[in-house]
Amino acid sequence: MLAYVIRRVLLAIPTLLGVILVTFFLVRVTGDPSSFVLGDTAPQSAVDEFRAQHGLDKPLLEQLLTYIKGILHGDLGTSIRTNQPVTELFMSRLPATLQLGLAAFGFAIVTGVTIGVLSSVFRNTVFDQIVRLTVIIGQAVPGFYLGLLLIIFVGAKLQWLPTGGRGGIDHLILPVLTLSSHLIAVIVRFTRATMLDVLHLDYIRTARAKGLNERTIIVKHALRNVLIPLLTLLALQSSVLFSGAVVTETVFAWPGVGRFAYDAISQRDFPIVQGTVLILTVFVVLLNLLVDVAYALVDPRIRY
């Protein structure tokens, strides 16, 4: 197991290097941040001083090598607009995103797996048809559009819940529904399809022939074999969840990493964009590694 983990960590290095290179060059395609920060009427001397202060006057290759050297020393750079360390700014926004992301992820897993299992058990019924129609709608509706609808009807017209900001549980409900909607639809569809395949296997018929009750067969035998491909799906969807957080946090003015990254992109704050993308990539890589290790816990037959 240890050798496998070390090998996976080493294989992640080229992925992280590729993300660093792509992000570094893409943010610079957007233009020079000096005119955006100082304004179009700023004198050339101020622009030159600003570029020199943030190392933007150096050749691209030298900027890249300086950035990679800083990463190796644990320094992700300094914000162009606030002159604060990127790591410090990121960590100040991380708790809000963790709160929203974990709540949405947990809600999506519980809701999606439950509905998916019930839909497979009661297949071809009215309930199953409603679920399948809802899943199609859930995958088709963009997150920002659903968020705006919830704000207009639930927040503004009915005034049941707050429409923005971070506060108590009531502030969390609408963003969680928006962020988890697509993931719930994916989990329901995947769980239903996988359960239908499993329920026709020989060992399920054997369990029924032994007289086991249907609940034990579904939960202990069928669902257990669904968990391994479901873990893979959840690991892949984690990156989608983070990208969706950018839209959700912006729509609901949620002060998390997604809103932080959106503001940085709008303001051409290169170090913040680069640092945020790199940290989130590391998180996704580690999450995929943890899921691979969890396979052995879910299915003892798996060995690395």
Protein backbone atom coordinates (compact mmCIF):
# COMPACT_ATOMS: atom_id res chain seq x y z
CA MET A 1 0.00 0.00 0.00
CA LEU A 2 2.79 2.45 0.93
CA ALA A 3 4.59 1.83 -2.37
CA TYR A 4 1.35 2.47 -4.24
CA VAL A 5 0.76 5.76 -2.41
CA ILE A 6 4.33 6.92 -3.10
CA ARG A 7 3.96 6.01 -6.78
CA ARG A 8 0.69 7.94 -7.03
CA VAL A 9 2.24 11.00 -5.38
CA LEU A 10 5.14 10.93 -7.84
CA LEU A 11 2.73 10.62 -10.76
CA ALA A 12 0.86 13.69 -9.48
CA ILE A 13 3.95 15.89 -9.94
CA PRO A 14 3.61 16.17 -13.76
CA THR A 15 -0.09 17.00 -13.30
CA LEU A 16 0.69 19.82 -10.89
CA LEU A 17 3.48 21.10 -13.15
CA GLY A 18 1.09 21.14 -16.10
CA VAL A 19 -1.49 23.09 -14.08
CA ILE A 20 1.18 25.60 -13.02
CA LEU A 21 2.30 26.18 -16.62
CA VAL A 22 -1.21 26.43 -18.11
CA THR A 23 -2.48 28.78 -15.39
CA PHE A 24 0.65 30.94 -15.51
CA PHE A 25 0.39 31.61 -19.23
CA LEU A 26 -3.40 31.82 -19.45
CA VAL A 27 -3.71 34.58 -16.85
CA ARG A 28 -1.14 36.63 -18.73
CA VAL A 29 -3.14 36.37 -21.94
CA THR A 30 -5.84 38.49 -20.26
CA GLY A 31 -3.62 41.57 -20.38
CA ASP A 32 -1.45 43.77 -18.21
CA PRO A 33 -2.91 44.31 -14.73
CA SER A 34 -1.11 47.65 -14.29
CA SER A 35 -3.59 49.57 -16.44
CA PHE A 36 -6.49 47.83 -14.67
CA VAL A 37 -5.21 48.61 -11.17
CA LEU A 38 -3.81 52.11 -11.80
CA GLY A 39 -6.28 53.21 -14.45
CA ASP A 40 -5.79 54.25 -18.06
CA THR A 41 -4.80 57.79 -17.10
CA ALA A 42 -1.86 56.74 -14.88
CA PRO A 43 1.51 58.21 -15.95
CA GLN A 44 4.02 55.88 -17.56
CA SER A 45 6.39 56.28 -14.63
CA ALA A 46 3.76 54.90 -12.24
CA VAL A 47 3.06 52.00 -14.58
CA ASP A 48 6.77 51.17 -14.84
CA GLU A 49 7.15 51.32 -11.06
CA PHE A 50 4.12 49.05 -10.58
CA ARG A 51 5.40 46.49 -13.08
CA ALA A 52 8.87 46.51 -11.51
CA GLN A 53 7.41 46.12 -8.00
CA HIS A 54 5.50 42.97 -8.98
CA GLY A 55 8.12 41.55 -11.33
CA LEU A 56 5.98 42.02 -14.42
CA ASP A 57 8.76 43.81 -16.28
CA LYS A 58 10.90 40.67 -16.41
CA PRO A 59 10.82 38.12 -19.27
CA LEU A 60 8.08 35.48 -18.99
CA LEU A 61 10.55 32.63 -18.50
CA GLU A 62 12.21 34.45 -15.61
CA GLN A 63 8.81 35.19 -14.06
CA LEU A 64 7.89 31.50 -14.36
CA LEU A 65 11.12 30.28 -12.77
CA THR A 66 10.70 32.79 -9.93
CA TYR A 67 7.14 31.60 -9.35
CA ILE A 68 8.12 27.90 -9.32
CA LYS A 69 11.02 28.65 -6.95
CA GLY A 70 8.58 30.40 -4.62
CA ILE A 71 6.22 27.40 -4.72
CA LEU A 72 9.06 25.07 -3.72
CA HIS A 73 9.66 27.33 -0.71
CA GLY A 74 5.96 27.43 0.18
CA ASP A 75 5.44 30.97 -1.15
CA LEU A 76 2.53 31.42 -3.57
CA GLY A 77 3.23 35.10 -4.06
CA THR A 78 1.60 38.36 -3.01
CA SER A 79 -1.67 39.86 -4.16
CA ILE A 80 -1.20 42.63 -6.71
CA ARG A 81 -4.05 44.71 -5.32
CA THR A 82 -3.68 44.27 -1.55
CA ASN A 83 0.01 43.30 -1.20
CA GLN A 84 -1.02 40.49 1.18
CA PRO A 85 0.29 36.91 0.90
CA VAL A 86 -1.89 34.71 -1.30
CA THR A 87 -1.79 31.85 1.21
CA GLU A 88 -3.05 34.11 4.00
CA LEU A 89 -5.90 35.45 1.87
CA PHE A 90 -6.82 31.95 0.67
CA MET A 91 -6.91 30.50 4.18
CA SER A 92 -9.16 33.32 5.35
CA ARG A 93 -11.73 32.32 2.70
CA LEU A 94 -11.31 28.55 3.00
CA PRO A 95 -13.64 27.96 6.02
CA ALA A 96 -16.62 29.44 4.16
CA THR A 97 -16.01 27.24 1.12
CA LEU A 98 -15.47 24.13 3.25
CA GLN A 99 -18.74 24.82 5.04
CA LEU A 100 -20.64 25.21 1.77
CA GLY A 101 -18.83 22.45 -0.12
CA LEU A 102 -19.05 19.79 2.59
CA ALA A 103 -22.72 20.59 3.23
CA ALA A 104 -23.51 20.37 -0.49
CA PHE A 105 -21.41 17.21 -0.95
CA GLY A 106 -22.98 15.46 2.05
CA PHE A 107 -26.50 16.49 1.08
CA ALA A 108 -25.93 15.33 -2.50
CA ILE A 109 -24.59 11.92 -1.43
CA VAL A 110 -27.36 11.18 1.07
CA THR A 111 -30.14 12.45 -1.19
CA GLY A 112 -28.77 11.05 -4.45
CA VAL A 113 -28.00 7.55 -3.16
CA THR A 114 -31.33 7.28 -1.33
CA ILE A 115 -33.42 8.38 -4.32
CA GLY A 116 -31.31 6.27 -6.70
CA VAL A 117 -31.80 3.13 -4.63
CA LEU A 118 -35.54 3.73 -4.24
CA SER A 119 -35.88 4.42 -7.95
CA SER A 120 -34.17 1.10 -8.78
CA VAL A 121 -36.27 -0.84 -6.28
CA PHE A 122 -39.53 0.71 -7.55
CA ARG A 123 -38.47 0.74 -11.20
CA ASN A 124 -41.01 1.54 -13.93
CA THR A 125 -43.46 2.96 -11.38
CA VAL A 126 -44.81 6.51 -11.30
CA PHE A 127 -42.18 7.37 -8.67
CA ASP A 128 -39.40 6.10 -10.94
CA GLN A 129 -40.70 8.08 -13.92
CA ILE A 130 -40.87 11.28 -11.85
CA VAL A 131 -37.32 10.70 -10.62
CA ARG A 132 -35.96 10.15 -14.13
CA LEU A 133 -37.68 13.31 -15.42
CA THR A 134 -36.36 15.33 -12.46
CA VAL A 135 -32.84 14.00 -13.05
CA ILE A 136 -32.90 15.14 -16.68
CA ILE A 137 -34.02 18.62 -15.61
CA GLY A 138 -31.43 18.71 -12.82
CA GLN A 139 -28.59 17.95 -15.22
CA ALA A 140 -29.84 20.40 -17.84
CA VAL A 141 -30.47 23.50 -15.71
CA PRO A 142 -27.31 25.59 -15.14
CA GLY A 143 -26.39 26.31 -11.55
CA PHE A 144 -26.45 30.10 -11.90
CA TYR A 145 -29.96 29.97 -13.41
CA LEU A 146 -31.27 27.75 -10.61
CA GLY A 147 -29.66 30.04 -8.05
CA LEU A 148 -31.32 33.11 -9.55
CA LEU A 149 -34.71 31.34 -9.59
CA LEU A 150 -34.34 30.42 -5.91
CA ILE A 151 -33.38 34.00 -5.06
CA ILE A 152 -36.34 35.47 -6.97
CA PHE A 153 -39.08 33.09 -5.79
CA VAL A 154 -37.95 31.66 -2.45
CA GLY A 155 -35.98 34.65 -1.23
CA ALA A 156 -37.56 37.77 -2.75
CA LYS A 157 -41.22 36.87 -3.35
CA LEU A 158 -41.92 34.36 -0.60
CA GLN A 159 -39.24 35.79 1.74
CA TRP A 160 -38.67 32.41 3.34
CA LEU A 161 -34.86 32.48 3.28
CA PRO A 162 -32.07 35.07 2.95
CA THR A 163 -30.74 35.57 -0.55
CA GLY A 164 -27.07 36.25 0.14
CA GLY A 165 -24.21 36.46 2.58
CA ARG A 166 -22.93 34.02 5.16
CA GLY A 167 -24.67 33.57 8.47
CA GLY A 168 -26.72 30.84 10.10
CA ILE A 169 -28.20 27.65 8.68
CA ASP A 170 -30.87 29.64 6.83
CA HIS A 171 -28.15 31.38 4.78
CA LEU A 172 -26.77 27.98 3.80
CA ILE A 173 -29.92 26.34 2.41
CA LEU A 174 -30.26 28.08 -0.97
CA PRO A 175 -26.52 27.90 -1.87
CA VAL A 176 -26.42 24.21 -0.90
CA LEU A 177 -29.47 23.43 -3.04
CA THR A 178 -27.93 25.29 -5.97
CA LEU A 179 -24.47 23.75 -5.66
CA SER A 180 -25.68 20.20 -5.07
CA SER A 181 -28.48 20.06 -7.67
CA HIS A 182 -26.34 18.82 -10.57
CA LEU A 183 -24.39 16.38 -8.37
CA ILE A 184 -27.62 14.93 -6.96
CA ALA A 185 -28.90 14.29 -10.49
CA VAL A 186 -25.64 12.58 -11.47
CA ILE A 187 -25.60 10.38 -8.33
CA VAL A 188 -29.28 9.40 -8.72
CA ARG A 189 -28.80 8.40 -12.33
CA PHE A 190 -25.60 6.49 -11.63
CA THR A 191 -26.91 4.73 -8.51
CA ARG A 192 -30.14 3.70 -10.21
CA ALA A 193 -28.36 2.26 -13.27
CA THR A 194 -25.74 0.41 -11.20
CA MET A 195 -28.31 -0.97 -8.75
CA LEU A 196 -30.44 -2.30 -11.61
CA ASP A 197 -27.40 -4.20 -12.92
CA VAL A 198 -26.54 -5.58 -9.49
CA LEU A 199 -30.08 -6.66 -8.57
CA HIS A 200 -30.12 -9.14 -11.47
CA LEU A 201 -26.92 -10.94 -10.46
CA ASP A 202 -26.86 -14.51 -9.20
CA TYR A 203 -25.74 -13.75 -5.66
CA ILE A 204 -28.80 -11.50 -5.15
CA ARG A 205 -31.10 -14.33 -6.27
CA THR A 206 -29.23 -16.66 -3.91
CA ALA A 207 -29.74 -14.24 -1.02
CA ARG A 208 -33.45 -14.09 -1.77
CA ALA A 209 -33.63 -17.88 -2.00
CA LYS A 210 -32.08 -18.09 1.48
CA GLY A 211 -34.99 -16.07 2.82
CA LEU A 212 -33.16 -12.80 3.60
CA ASN A 213 -35.48 -9.80 3.81
CA GLU A 214 -35.39 -7.33 0.94
CA ARG A 215 -33.99 -4.49 3.05
CA THR A 216 -30.94 -6.54 4.06
CA ILE A 217 -30.38 -7.61 0.45
CA ILE A 218 -30.56 -4.03 -0.83
CA VAL A 219 -28.45 -2.36 1.86
CA LYS A 220 -25.93 -5.03 2.82
CA HIS A 221 -25.38 -6.87 -0.46
CA ALA A 222 -26.43 -4.77 -3.46
CA LEU A 223 -25.52 -1.28 -2.26
CA ARG A 224 -22.10 -2.41 -1.03
CA ASN A 225 -21.09 -3.36 -4.58
CA VAL A 226 -22.35 -0.01 -5.86
CA LEU A 227 -20.07 1.91 -3.49
CA ILE A 228 -16.80 1.26 -5.38
CA PRO A 229 -17.82 2.81 -8.74
CA LEU A 230 -19.74 5.46 -6.78
CA LEU A 231 -16.53 6.47 -4.95
CA THR A 232 -14.82 6.92 -8.33
CA LEU A 233 -17.70 9.08 -9.54
CA LEU A 234 -17.59 11.25 -6.42
CA ALA A 235 -13.83 11.75 -6.76
CA LEU A 236 -14.26 12.90 -10.36
CA GLN A 237 -17.17 15.16 -9.43
CA SER A 238 -15.17 16.92 -6.70
CA SER A 239 -13.50 19.15 -9.29
CA VAL A 240 -16.91 19.95 -10.79
CA LEU A 241 -18.13 20.88 -7.32
CA PHE A 242 -15.30 23.40 -6.92
CA SER A 243 -15.93 24.94 -10.33
CA GLY A 244 -19.62 25.19 -9.44
CA ALA A 245 -18.68 26.91 -6.18
CA VAL A 246 -17.31 29.85 -8.17
CA VAL A 247 -20.73 30.48 -9.71
CA THR A 248 -22.74 29.67 -6.58
CA GLU A 249 -20.65 31.83 -4.26
CA THR A 250 -20.80 34.71 -6.73
CA VAL A 251 -24.60 34.49 -7.12
CA PHE A 252 -25.23 34.30 -3.37
CA ALA A 253 -22.38 36.65 -2.33
CA TRP A 254 -20.87 33.82 -0.28
CA PRO A 255 -17.41 34.91 0.97
CA GLY A 256 -15.53 31.76 0.00
CA VAL A 257 -12.73 30.66 -2.28
CA GLY A 258 -14.99 30.62 -5.35
CA ARG A 259 -15.97 34.26 -4.94
CA PHE A 260 -12.35 35.00 -4.07
CA ALA A 261 -11.16 33.46 -7.36
CA TYR A 262 -13.88 35.24 -9.36
CA ASP A 263 -12.88 38.63 -7.95
CA ALA A 264 -9.21 37.88 -8.64
CA ILE A 265 -9.95 36.99 -12.27
CA SER A 266 -12.04 40.14 -12.69
CA GLN A 267 -9.24 42.25 -11.21
CA ARG A 268 -6.41 40.43 -13.04
CA ASP A 269 -4.75 39.55 -9.77
CA PHE A 270 -2.37 36.96 -11.23
CA PRO A 271 -0.85 35.56 -8.01
CA ILE A 272 -4.25 34.91 -6.43
CA VAL A 273 -5.59 33.12 -9.53
CA GLN A 274 -2.45 31.01 -9.84
CA GLY A 275 -2.33 30.15 -6.14
CA THR A 276 -6.03 29.31 -5.89
CA VAL A 277 -5.97 27.00 -8.92
CA LEU A 278 -2.84 25.24 -7.64
CA ILE A 279 -4.21 24.66 -4.13
CA LEU A 280 -7.53 23.33 -5.45
CA THR A 281 -5.66 21.03 -7.86
CA VAL A 282 -3.61 19.62 -4.99
CA PHE A 283 -6.84 19.03 -3.06
CA VAL A 284 -8.46 17.17 -5.97
CA VAL A 285 -5.34 15.01 -6.48
CA LEU A 286 -5.24 14.11 -2.78
CA LEU A 287 -8.97 13.36 -2.78
CA ASN A 288 -8.56 10.95 -5.69
CA LEU A 289 -5.70 9.28 -3.84
CA LEU A 290 -7.83 8.88 -0.70
CA VAL A 291 -10.64 7.38 -2.77
CA ASP A 292 -8.26 4.81 -4.28
CA VAL A 293 -7.07 3.86 -0.80
CA ALA A 294 -10.69 3.65 0.38
CA TYR A 295 -11.37 0.96 -2.25
CA ALA A 296 -9.50 -1.56 -0.11
CA LEU A 297 -11.67 -0.67 2.88
CA VAL A 298 -14.93 -1.00 0.95
CA ASP A 299 -13.94 -4.21 -0.85
CA PRO A 300 -11.34 -6.39 0.93
CA ARG A 301 -10.66 -8.23 -2.35
CA ILE A 302 -8.84 -5.14 -3.66
CA ARG A 303 -5.12 -5.07 -2.90
CA TYR A 304 -2.43 -2.68 -4.07
